[in-house]
Amino acid sequence: MWQTLFHFPINWLLTLWAIGSVVSIAWAAREQGLRGALRSYLPTVLIVGAIVGLLLPRLSEHGALPIRGYGFMLLIGLVSGVGLAMHRARRMGINPEMIHVLAFWMVLAGIVGARSFYVIEYWHQYHQPTLLATLKEIVNFTKGGLVVFGSAVGAGLALLLFVRTYHLPGLALADLISPSVMLGLACGRVGCFLNGCCFGGVCDEPWAVRFPPGSPAYQAQAKEGQFTVFGLRLVPDEEERPIIKSVERGSPAERAGLLPGQRLKRVGVNELEWPTPTVDEALFALQQARTVGDRVHVYVVDEPLPASWTLATSPGLTLPIHPAQIYAAVDALLLCLLLLAYYPYRRRDGEVFALMITIHPISRFLQEWTRVDEASIFGTGLTISQNVSIFMLLGAIGLWCYLLRRPRGSVWPRPLAAA
């Protein structure tokens, strides 16, 4: 896990935006003229500028933007996916600027869709006392919190609108961009691994991974009592407040005098303190102590003085778990390569896209069995992603039935010489 790669000064980011905007418009103006270049690039330039100048400073830390591994890999996925689609379009004699404009539509709608699905599913994590604080939590997606199927819905709607607006062959266009979608997904899943989200269940495979304190996997395992945090197992009482269920014998917590049945009211690490109204917040506070020498203070109800101890060793890592994010990344990359290989042999427009939405939901359904970060819904025993996978597969079957009734041929028949 590598959640923060480095910090980038906001002033440098604004400078790069200005230089990049001028270079992009000047480069496009050579082929399209200044008016055409402005029409193609100006909306993107202005939106990116608004994000860099207005939104990112609110997310900065001491004038520098933390570059998260998750957000960085999303950017890599976007650039590589769009670049691949533009390269393939150019080789087929199609104006690559069409791909650039389409990418802007789909990325914007995809992010909104992916974030909306996640926020709806985990609303309790984002609801804050004020509207401004809630909005700030919602837009801070660089730490994770996107649902792939939500992005598919948003991007799909954008594709339909784009096709209708510019009177383009929708199925042929969907075929062209399908490999890019899978390439972007592969990069995004590597971002999930760096962020620690979308984690798998406990396993004893030789390739199992372990995540550090503070990671979503560590938080989930600690909450389920799969291991103790400084010797404590916590459970919620009838009002969801943290109660000590058990104290591990010989642990720092036992030596400090903590007892089963006591209720935590706040936790301190060194000079900082956090209230602990829930088990999640209590575990988060305890996990802030990660370095040998950190001083931990646990305040419990009806006790005037805290139980305190100094760390002698690191709090440790999670139990070994499936690297579910890597499984998904490899799966998406292999599907990308398969779609690229199949593209020259397609017989009808839409077959490459249909192949993607046939294979991906099947693999995603199976991958969910290795993950434990999502609960089942609607009494089905299946996660939301597995339920959506079933509907996507049914849609793929319907699409194949439609395609096989159509005559052979493609709007863009010239196969790629090299992809």
Protein backbone atom coordinates (compact mmCIF):
# COMPACT_ATOMS: atom_id res chain seq x y z
CA MET A 1 0.00 0.00 0.00
CA TRP A 2 1.33 3.44 -0.96
CA GLN A 3 -1.51 5.91 -0.52
CA THR A 4 0.50 9.14 -0.94
CA LEU A 5 3.26 9.09 -3.56
CA PHE A 6 4.54 12.65 -3.03
CA HIS A 7 3.40 16.27 -2.57
CA PHE A 8 3.21 18.65 -5.53
CA PRO A 9 3.13 22.46 -5.03
CA ILE A 10 -0.13 24.04 -6.25
CA ASN A 11 1.78 26.89 -7.94
CA TRP A 12 3.73 24.40 -10.04
CA LEU A 13 0.49 22.68 -10.98
CA LEU A 14 -1.04 25.95 -12.19
CA THR A 15 2.09 26.64 -14.25
CA LEU A 16 1.93 23.20 -15.85
CA TRP A 17 -1.77 23.69 -16.61
CA ALA A 18 -1.07 27.02 -18.35
CA ILE A 19 1.82 25.63 -20.39
CA GLY A 20 -0.04 22.45 -21.28
CA SER A 21 -3.14 24.38 -22.34
CA VAL A 22 -1.21 26.68 -24.67
CA VAL A 23 0.77 23.80 -26.20
CA SER A 24 -2.35 21.65 -26.72
CA ILE A 25 -4.33 24.42 -28.41
CA ALA A 26 -1.35 25.48 -30.56
CA TRP A 27 -0.74 21.88 -31.66
CA ALA A 28 -4.40 21.36 -32.56
CA ALA A 29 -4.59 24.72 -34.35
CA ARG A 30 -2.07 23.52 -36.95
CA GLU A 31 -4.57 20.94 -38.20
CA GLN A 32 -7.95 22.43 -37.30
CA GLY A 33 -7.30 26.15 -37.29
CA LEU A 34 -7.56 28.30 -34.19
CA ARG A 35 -11.36 28.27 -34.12
CA GLY A 36 -11.55 24.49 -34.41
CA ALA A 37 -8.86 24.00 -31.77
CA LEU A 38 -10.63 26.29 -29.33
CA ARG A 39 -13.92 24.49 -29.94
CA SER A 40 -12.28 21.09 -29.25
CA TYR A 41 -9.97 21.95 -26.36
CA LEU A 42 -11.24 25.10 -24.64
CA PRO A 43 -14.01 23.38 -22.58
CA THR A 44 -11.49 20.83 -21.26
CA VAL A 45 -8.90 23.53 -20.56
CA LEU A 46 -11.37 25.68 -18.62
CA ILE A 47 -12.73 22.81 -16.53
CA VAL A 48 -9.24 21.54 -15.68
CA GLY A 49 -8.22 25.10 -14.82
CA ALA A 50 -11.22 25.48 -12.51
CA ILE A 51 -10.34 22.21 -10.78
CA VAL A 52 -6.67 23.18 -10.38
CA GLY A 53 -7.33 26.76 -9.32
CA LEU A 54 -10.46 26.40 -7.18
CA LEU A 55 -10.94 22.82 -6.03
CA LEU A 56 -7.44 21.43 -5.52
CA PRO A 57 -6.30 24.21 -3.14
CA ARG A 58 -9.07 23.12 -0.76
CA LEU A 59 -7.58 19.62 -0.79
CA SER A 60 -3.97 20.78 -0.42
CA GLU A 61 -1.75 20.38 2.61
CA HIS A 62 0.41 23.45 3.38
CA GLY A 63 0.22 24.71 -0.20
CA ALA A 64 1.06 21.36 -1.80
CA LEU A 65 -1.29 18.82 -3.27
CA PRO A 66 -0.80 15.27 -1.97
CA ILE A 67 -0.49 13.02 -5.02
CA ARG A 68 -2.35 9.89 -4.04
CA GLY A 69 -1.44 6.57 -5.57
CA TYR A 70 -5.09 5.94 -6.42
CA GLY A 71 -5.62 9.26 -8.20
CA PHE A 72 -2.26 9.01 -9.96
CA MET A 73 -3.12 5.60 -11.41
CA LEU A 74 -6.52 6.90 -12.50
CA LEU A 75 -4.67 9.60 -14.44
CA ILE A 76 -2.30 7.03 -15.94
CA GLY A 77 -5.30 4.91 -16.94
CA LEU A 78 -7.02 7.89 -18.53
CA VAL A 79 -3.96 9.01 -20.51
CA SER A 80 -3.04 5.50 -21.66
CA GLY A 81 -6.62 4.58 -22.59
CA VAL A 82 -7.22 7.76 -24.56
CA GLY A 83 -3.79 7.52 -26.15
CA LEU A 84 -4.45 3.95 -27.28
CA ALA A 85 -7.83 4.86 -28.77
CA MET A 86 -6.42 7.91 -30.57
CA HIS A 87 -3.53 5.86 -31.97
CA ARG A 88 -5.87 3.17 -33.28
CA ALA A 89 -8.29 5.75 -34.71
CA ARG A 90 -5.44 7.46 -36.57
CA ARG A 91 -4.31 4.14 -38.10
CA MET A 92 -7.85 3.57 -39.36
CA GLY A 93 -8.09 6.96 -40.99
CA ILE A 94 -10.47 8.32 -38.33
CA ASN A 95 -9.98 11.81 -36.91
CA PRO A 96 -8.36 11.20 -33.47
CA GLU A 97 -9.75 14.49 -32.16
CA MET A 98 -13.14 12.77 -32.05
CA ILE A 99 -11.68 10.40 -29.46
CA HIS A 100 -10.33 13.33 -27.44
CA VAL A 101 -13.73 15.00 -27.25
CA LEU A 102 -15.48 11.69 -26.51
CA ALA A 103 -12.97 10.96 -23.74
CA PHE A 104 -13.80 14.27 -22.08
CA TRP A 105 -17.52 13.44 -22.12
CA MET A 106 -17.08 9.87 -20.89
CA VAL A 107 -14.48 10.59 -18.21
CA LEU A 108 -16.52 13.38 -16.67
CA ALA A 109 -19.73 11.33 -16.71
CA GLY A 110 -17.87 8.20 -15.60
CA ILE A 111 -16.36 9.88 -12.55
CA VAL A 112 -19.74 11.32 -11.57
CA GLY A 113 -21.39 7.93 -11.99
CA ALA A 114 -18.66 6.01 -10.16
CA ARG A 115 -18.58 8.46 -7.27
CA SER A 116 -22.38 8.63 -7.05
CA PHE A 117 -22.67 4.83 -6.76
CA TYR A 118 -20.04 4.76 -4.01
CA VAL A 119 -21.45 7.69 -2.04
CA ILE A 120 -24.95 6.23 -2.16
CA GLU A 121 -23.66 2.84 -0.99
CA TYR A 122 -21.53 4.32 1.83
CA TRP A 123 -23.49 7.49 2.59
CA HIS A 124 -22.78 7.23 6.33
CA GLN A 125 -19.07 7.82 5.62
CA TYR A 126 -19.68 11.08 3.75
CA HIS A 127 -22.54 12.73 5.61
CA GLN A 128 -21.09 15.64 7.60
CA PRO A 129 -22.67 18.26 9.91
CA THR A 130 -22.60 20.96 7.21
CA LEU A 131 -23.36 20.91 3.48
CA LEU A 132 -19.93 22.33 2.61
CA ALA A 133 -18.13 19.64 4.64
CA THR A 134 -20.25 16.93 3.02
CA LEU A 135 -19.48 18.22 -0.48
CA LYS A 136 -15.77 18.36 0.33
CA GLU A 137 -15.83 14.71 1.38
CA ILE A 138 -17.74 13.72 -1.74
CA VAL A 139 -15.38 15.40 -4.23
CA ASN A 140 -12.19 14.15 -2.54
CA PHE A 141 -12.09 10.95 -4.62
CA THR A 142 -8.28 10.79 -4.90
CA LYS A 143 -8.22 8.66 -1.73
CA GLY A 144 -10.46 6.05 -3.33
CA GLY A 145 -14.18 5.51 -3.44
CA LEU A 146 -15.25 4.83 -7.02
CA VAL A 147 -17.49 1.99 -8.20
CA VAL A 148 -16.52 0.56 -11.58
CA PHE A 149 -20.08 -0.28 -12.58
CA GLY A 150 -21.14 3.25 -11.65
CA SER A 151 -18.54 4.60 -14.05
CA ALA A 152 -19.82 2.21 -16.71
CA VAL A 153 -23.34 3.62 -16.35
CA GLY A 154 -22.16 7.23 -16.48
CA ALA A 155 -19.75 6.67 -19.37
CA GLY A 156 -22.35 4.64 -21.28
CA LEU A 157 -24.89 7.44 -21.05
CA ALA A 158 -22.25 9.93 -22.19
CA LEU A 159 -21.40 7.70 -25.18
CA LEU A 160 -25.07 7.54 -26.20
CA LEU A 161 -25.42 11.31 -25.94
CA PHE A 162 -22.18 11.87 -27.87
CA VAL A 163 -23.26 9.53 -30.67
CA ARG A 164 -26.64 11.24 -31.00
CA THR A 165 -25.11 14.72 -30.87
CA TYR A 166 -22.49 14.10 -33.57
CA HIS A 167 -24.46 11.51 -35.61
CA LEU A 168 -21.78 8.82 -35.33
CA PRO A 169 -22.04 5.00 -35.66
CA GLY A 170 -22.48 4.04 -32.01
CA LEU A 171 -21.63 0.32 -32.20
CA ALA A 172 -18.53 0.93 -34.31
CA LEU A 173 -17.36 3.60 -31.89
CA ALA A 174 -18.01 1.31 -28.91
CA ASP A 175 -15.87 -1.37 -30.57
CA LEU A 176 -13.03 1.09 -31.09
CA ILE A 177 -12.85 2.26 -27.47
CA SER A 178 -13.53 -1.07 -25.70
CA PRO A 179 -9.84 -2.09 -25.39
CA SER A 180 -9.06 1.36 -24.00
CA VAL A 181 -11.75 0.96 -21.35
CA MET A 182 -10.14 -2.27 -20.14
CA LEU A 183 -6.66 -0.72 -20.19
CA GLY A 184 -7.90 2.15 -18.06
CA LEU A 185 -9.57 -0.29 -15.68
CA ALA A 186 -6.33 -2.26 -15.31
CA CYS A 187 -4.47 0.90 -14.27
CA GLY A 188 -7.27 1.87 -11.92
CA ARG A 189 -7.08 -1.48 -10.14
CA VAL A 190 -3.37 -0.95 -9.52
CA GLY A 191 -4.48 2.32 -7.90
CA CYS A 192 -6.85 0.33 -5.70
CA PHE A 193 -3.89 -1.77 -4.56
CA LEU A 194 -1.85 1.33 -3.72
CA ASN A 195 -4.82 2.74 -1.81
CA GLY A 196 -5.60 -0.54 -0.01
CA CYS A 197 -9.29 -0.57 -0.97
CA CYS A 198 -11.22 -3.35 -2.77
CA PHE A 199 -9.30 -5.86 -0.64
CA GLY A 200 -9.62 -9.63 -0.57
CA GLY A 201 -10.33 -12.17 2.13
CA VAL A 202 -7.88 -14.08 4.32
CA CYS A 203 -5.93 -16.79 2.48
CA ASP A 204 -2.77 -18.86 2.79
CA GLU A 205 -1.62 -18.61 -0.82
CA PRO A 206 2.10 -17.91 -1.36
CA TRP A 207 1.20 -14.67 -3.18
CA ALA A 208 -0.98 -13.35 -0.33
CA VAL A 209 -0.35 -9.77 0.77
CA ARG A 210 -0.58 -7.94 4.10
CA PHE A 211 -1.60 -4.31 4.64
CA PRO A 212 -0.44 -1.90 7.37
CA PRO A 213 -2.44 -0.23 10.18
CA GLY A 214 -4.81 2.42 8.89
CA SER A 215 -5.61 0.54 5.70
CA PRO A 216 -9.23 -0.46 4.97
CA ALA A 217 -8.29 -4.15 5.26
CA TYR A 218 -6.66 -3.62 8.67
CA GLN A 219 -9.68 -1.67 9.87
CA ALA A 220 -12.09 -4.36 8.70
CA GLN A 221 -10.13 -7.25 10.23
CA ALA A 222 -9.73 -5.43 13.53
CA LYS A 223 -13.45 -4.62 13.65
CA GLU A 224 -14.32 -8.27 13.03
CA GLY A 225 -11.97 -9.34 15.83
CA GLN A 226 -9.68 -11.32 13.54
CA PHE A 227 -6.79 -9.89 15.55
CA THR A 228 -6.43 -7.50 18.46
CA VAL A 229 -5.24 -3.89 18.36
CA PHE A 230 -2.80 -3.49 21.28
CA GLY A 231 -4.56 -6.48 22.84
CA LEU A 232 -8.09 -5.02 22.57
CA ARG A 233 -11.14 -6.49 20.87
CA LEU A 234 -13.94 -3.95 20.60
CA VAL A 235 -17.66 -4.41 19.98
CA PRO A 236 -20.51 -1.86 19.78
CA ASP A 237 -23.06 -1.57 22.58
CA GLU A 238 -26.78 -0.96 22.00
CA GLU A 239 -25.99 2.66 21.08
CA GLU A 240 -23.06 1.70 18.79
CA ARG A 241 -20.49 2.95 21.34
CA PRO A 242 -17.23 0.95 21.65
CA ILE A 243 -17.06 -1.61 24.47
CA ILE A 244 -13.99 -3.73 25.26
CA LYS A 245 -15.04 -7.31 24.50
CA SER A 246 -11.79 -8.94 25.59
CA VAL A 247 -8.21 -8.10 26.53
CA GLU A 248 -5.39 -10.27 25.27
CA ARG A 249 -3.31 -11.79 28.04
CA GLY A 250 0.13 -10.23 28.34
CA SER A 251 -0.73 -7.38 25.96
CA PRO A 252 0.03 -3.67 26.56
CA ALA A 253 -3.68 -3.11 27.20
CA GLU A 254 -3.76 -5.72 29.98
CA ARG A 255 -0.57 -4.41 31.57
CA ALA A 256 -2.09 -0.92 31.53
CA GLY A 257 -5.13 -2.17 33.49
CA LEU A 258 -7.89 -2.23 30.86
CA LEU A 259 -10.70 -4.72 31.51
CA PRO A 260 -13.47 -6.38 29.47
CA GLY A 261 -16.75 -4.48 29.68
CA GLN A 262 -15.23 -1.00 29.90
CA ARG A 263 -16.46 1.59 27.39
CA LEU A 264 -14.01 3.82 25.57
CA LYS A 265 -14.66 7.55 25.50
CA ARG A 266 -11.51 8.82 23.77
CA VAL A 267 -8.05 7.73 22.63
CA GLY A 268 -4.83 9.72 22.47
CA VAL A 269 -1.57 9.13 20.64
CA ASN A 270 1.33 11.27 21.80
CA GLU A 271 -0.09 14.82 22.01
CA LEU A 272 -3.24 14.21 19.90
CA GLU A 273 -6.62 12.92 21.04
CA TRP A 274 -9.75 11.68 19.27
CA PRO A 275 -13.27 11.13 20.62
CA THR A 276 -14.45 7.55 20.06
CA PRO A 277 -18.25 7.52 19.65
CA THR A 278 -18.12 4.37 17.46
CA VAL A 279 -15.99 1.25 17.11
CA ASP A 280 -14.70 2.44 13.73
CA GLU A 281 -13.50 5.73 15.18
CA ALA A 282 -11.97 3.99 18.19
CA LEU A 283 -10.03 1.62 15.92
CA PHE A 284 -8.95 4.52 13.71
CA ALA A 285 -7.64 6.39 16.75
CA LEU A 286 -5.74 3.38 18.07
CA GLN A 287 -4.20 2.75 14.67
CA GLN A 288 -2.64 6.22 14.63
CA ALA A 289 0.06 4.74 16.86
CA ARG A 290 2.32 3.09 14.30
CA THR A 291 5.89 3.95 15.29
CA VAL A 292 8.01 2.48 18.05
CA GLY A 293 8.05 5.02 20.87
CA ASP A 294 4.54 6.38 20.26
CA ARG A 295 2.63 6.94 23.49
CA VAL A 296 -0.95 5.58 23.63
CA HIS A 297 -3.61 6.86 26.06
CA VAL A 298 -6.96 5.07 26.33
CA TYR A 299 -9.66 6.85 28.34
CA VAL A 300 -12.60 4.79 29.53
CA VAL A 301 -15.86 5.81 31.18
CA ASP A 302 -15.85 6.08 35.00
CA GLU A 303 -12.03 6.15 35.16
CA PRO A 304 -10.40 9.55 35.80
CA LEU A 305 -6.96 8.56 34.49
CA PRO A 306 -6.11 6.95 31.15
CA ALA A 307 -4.51 3.58 30.61
CA SER A 308 -1.18 4.47 28.98
CA TRP A 309 1.75 2.67 27.43
CA THR A 310 4.65 3.27 25.05
CA LEU A 311 4.98 1.14 21.91
CA ALA A 312 7.91 -1.23 22.00
CA THR A 313 7.20 -2.77 18.59
CA SER A 314 5.20 -1.94 15.46
CA PRO A 315 1.46 -2.75 15.68
CA GLY A 316 1.94 -5.24 12.85
CA LEU A 317 0.07 -5.96 9.64
CA THR A 318 -3.17 -7.58 8.55
CA LEU A 319 -3.56 -11.32 8.23
CA PRO A 320 -2.49 -12.52 4.75
CA ILE A 321 -5.21 -11.76 2.20
CA HIS A 322 -5.94 -12.22 -1.49
CA PRO A 323 -4.46 -9.42 -3.65
CA ALA A 324 -7.90 -8.99 -5.22
CA GLN A 325 -6.89 -5.68 -6.81
CA ILE A 326 -4.04 -7.37 -8.71
CA TYR A 327 -6.36 -10.17 -9.83
CA ALA A 328 -8.68 -7.52 -11.29
CA ALA A 329 -5.82 -5.58 -12.91
CA VAL A 330 -4.43 -8.69 -14.63
CA ASP A 331 -7.93 -9.73 -15.72
CA ALA A 332 -8.62 -6.31 -17.28
CA LEU A 333 -5.24 -6.22 -19.04
CA LEU A 334 -5.75 -9.70 -20.53
CA LEU A 335 -9.23 -8.71 -21.71
CA CYS A 336 -7.76 -5.56 -23.29
CA LEU A 337 -5.27 -7.69 -25.24
CA LEU A 338 -8.01 -10.13 -26.28
CA LEU A 339 -10.19 -7.32 -27.60
CA LEU A 340 -7.27 -5.86 -29.56
CA ALA A 341 -6.58 -9.28 -31.09
CA TYR A 342 -10.23 -9.89 -31.94
CA TYR A 343 -10.89 -6.46 -33.45
CA PRO A 344 -9.56 -7.18 -36.99
CA TYR A 345 -11.72 -10.32 -37.16
CA ARG A 346 -15.02 -8.74 -36.15
CA ARG A 347 -17.80 -9.45 -38.62
CA ARG A 348 -20.28 -6.81 -37.47
CA ASP A 349 -20.12 -3.54 -35.60
CA GLY A 350 -20.70 -4.11 -31.90
CA GLU A 351 -19.07 -7.54 -31.61
CA VAL A 352 -15.96 -6.28 -29.79
CA PHE A 353 -18.08 -4.34 -27.31
CA ALA A 354 -20.40 -7.35 -26.88
CA LEU A 355 -17.39 -9.57 -26.20
CA MET A 356 -16.20 -7.16 -23.52
CA ILE A 357 -19.54 -7.03 -21.69
CA THR A 358 -19.79 -10.83 -21.93
CA ILE A 359 -16.42 -11.71 -20.44
CA HIS A 360 -15.99 -8.87 -17.93
CA PRO A 361 -19.14 -9.50 -15.84
CA ILE A 362 -18.31 -13.22 -15.64
CA SER A 363 -14.78 -12.56 -14.40
CA ARG A 364 -15.99 -9.83 -12.07
CA PHE A 365 -18.65 -12.13 -10.61
CA LEU A 366 -15.97 -14.73 -9.86
CA GLN A 367 -13.53 -12.16 -8.47
CA GLU A 368 -16.09 -11.07 -5.90
CA TRP A 369 -15.72 -14.43 -4.15
CA THR A 370 -12.16 -13.42 -3.20
CA ARG A 371 -13.24 -10.03 -1.86
CA VAL A 372 -14.74 -9.22 1.53
CA ASP A 373 -15.15 -5.45 1.32
CA GLU A 374 -18.78 -5.53 0.13
CA ALA A 375 -21.78 -7.08 1.87
CA SER A 376 -24.56 -8.96 0.09
CA ILE A 377 -27.70 -7.01 -0.79
CA PHE A 378 -31.41 -7.62 -1.20
CA GLY A 379 -31.17 -10.99 0.53
CA THR A 380 -29.55 -12.51 -2.57
CA GLY A 381 -26.33 -13.57 -0.88
CA LEU A 382 -24.55 -11.67 -3.67
CA THR A 383 -22.76 -8.32 -3.61
CA ILE A 384 -24.01 -5.32 -5.54
CA SER A 385 -21.27 -5.94 -8.15
CA GLN A 386 -22.37 -9.54 -8.61
CA ASN A 387 -25.97 -8.46 -9.05
CA VAL A 388 -24.96 -5.84 -11.61
CA SER A 389 -22.76 -8.45 -13.35
CA ILE A 390 -25.78 -10.69 -13.85
CA PHE A 391 -27.78 -7.87 -15.45
CA MET A 392 -24.81 -6.87 -17.60
CA LEU A 393 -24.44 -10.45 -18.83
CA LEU A 394 -28.14 -10.60 -19.67
CA GLY A 395 -27.69 -7.35 -21.61
CA ALA A 396 -24.74 -8.91 -23.46
CA ILE A 397 -26.87 -11.91 -24.45
CA GLY A 398 -29.53 -9.56 -25.77
CA LEU A 399 -26.91 -7.60 -27.72
CA TRP A 400 -25.51 -10.77 -29.30
CA CYS A 401 -29.01 -11.80 -30.36
CA TYR A 402 -29.46 -8.40 -32.01
CA LEU A 403 -26.05 -8.41 -33.69
CA LEU A 404 -26.36 -11.90 -35.15
CA ARG A 405 -29.53 -10.84 -36.95
CA ARG A 406 -27.72 -8.01 -38.72
CA PRO A 407 -25.88 -8.39 -42.02
CA ARG A 408 -22.12 -8.68 -41.88
CA GLY A 409 -20.01 -5.60 -42.42
CA SER A 410 -18.56 -2.64 -40.57
CA VAL A 411 -18.72 1.12 -40.97
CA TRP A 412 -14.95 1.19 -40.45
CA PRO A 413 -13.91 -2.02 -42.19
CA ARG A 414 -10.17 -1.45 -42.59
CA PRO A 415 -8.43 -3.63 -39.99
CA LEU A 416 -5.55 -2.36 -37.94
CA ALA A 417 -2.14 -3.12 -39.37
CA ALA A 418 -0.75 -2.95 -35.85
CA ALA A 419 -2.52 -2.09 -32.62
